[in-house]
Amino acid sequence: MSRILKWLLASVGLAFFAVAPLNAAVVVSSKLSSESAMIGQMIRLMLDARGVPTVDRMTLGATPVVRKALLEGEIDLYIEYTGNAGFFFNVANDPAWKDLQQGYALGARLDYAANRIVWLTPANASNAWALAVRSDVAASNHLKTMSDFARWVNAGGPVVLACSAEFANAGTLRSLEKTYGFRMRPNQLIVLAGGETSATIGAAAARTNDINTAMVYGTDGGIVAAQLVLLEDDRHNQPIYAPVPIVREAVLRAYPQLTGIIKPLMASLDSDTLRRLNARVQIDGESAQVVAADYLRAQGFVQ
């Protein structure tokens, strides 16, 4: 019996060591959006190239699903957006979220104190709600910023905006109107069912019902494809939603090199770059992993 017991214990030990490398791998995940999956793939490929084992669990679910998985240790790292921490910690009205560095610092402090989640380097970009205008309309009316847009609206410009019900009714449009001093008439708003930005961008590109302005997210790939001009939020009305990798502290302790590996990648990503890359996934139909690999090679991050 003792020989059998020793054999069983040895077998269990061998099995443990056989699965240990898999258990030690960094589980990289993402939300459902193509952008978060694409950046997640960039990170995963860079870690693999530098000898850090990974597991691919991209497009796991919406924000609550991915967030819960991280906090429960089911995944190790994913791309969050800085402004979301305002909702995670019930401080959405803090003005810090309207500044990239202040919002990053506040979110990093709150998440570490509450959950031992570490925020790594953010991208210099924002995926916040914004308005984009057809390039021909922007050129003829000298529209580059939201202040320019307000001037155009107040001068009686023929603006027709495609947006979602949430954008029109949940306070975002009203906040922009208050900050910039303009008011949209009901007949200037076309609220699209579902309200996906792909639909609003497509409507502006096709001039459907004279639409010339679209509700967008700041890094939408469709902005490039549709030749729209993204209007700068020059009075900083909207919170900044900068992509930022967040990781469990225990994983970072096991692989402290993660910080140095990921930092140059995130520093290379700005809004223009993300829009171009997103267009390849969202408009051209390329896979997030292919676009990620191409970008890493082009930037010299991997061979």
Foldseek 3Di string as FASTA:
>chain_A
DVVVVVVVVVVVVVVCVVCVLVVLAAEFEEAQDLLQQLLSLLLQVLCVQVPGHYHYHYNVYHPVVVVVCCLVVVHFKTKFWLLCLCVVVVNNVPPLLLPVVSSNVVSQVVCCVVRVKHWADWAAEFQWKFKWFAPVVCVVQVAAALLSVQVCVVVVHLAAEEFAPCCVPVCPVVLSCVVNVHDDDPVSYDHDVVGDQVVRLVCLLVCPVPHGMYIGTLQALSCVVSRIHTHHHVVSRIGGTIIIMMGRNVSCVVPVCSNVSCNVVSHVDYSVNSSNLNCCCVPVPDHSNVSSVVVCVVVVSHD
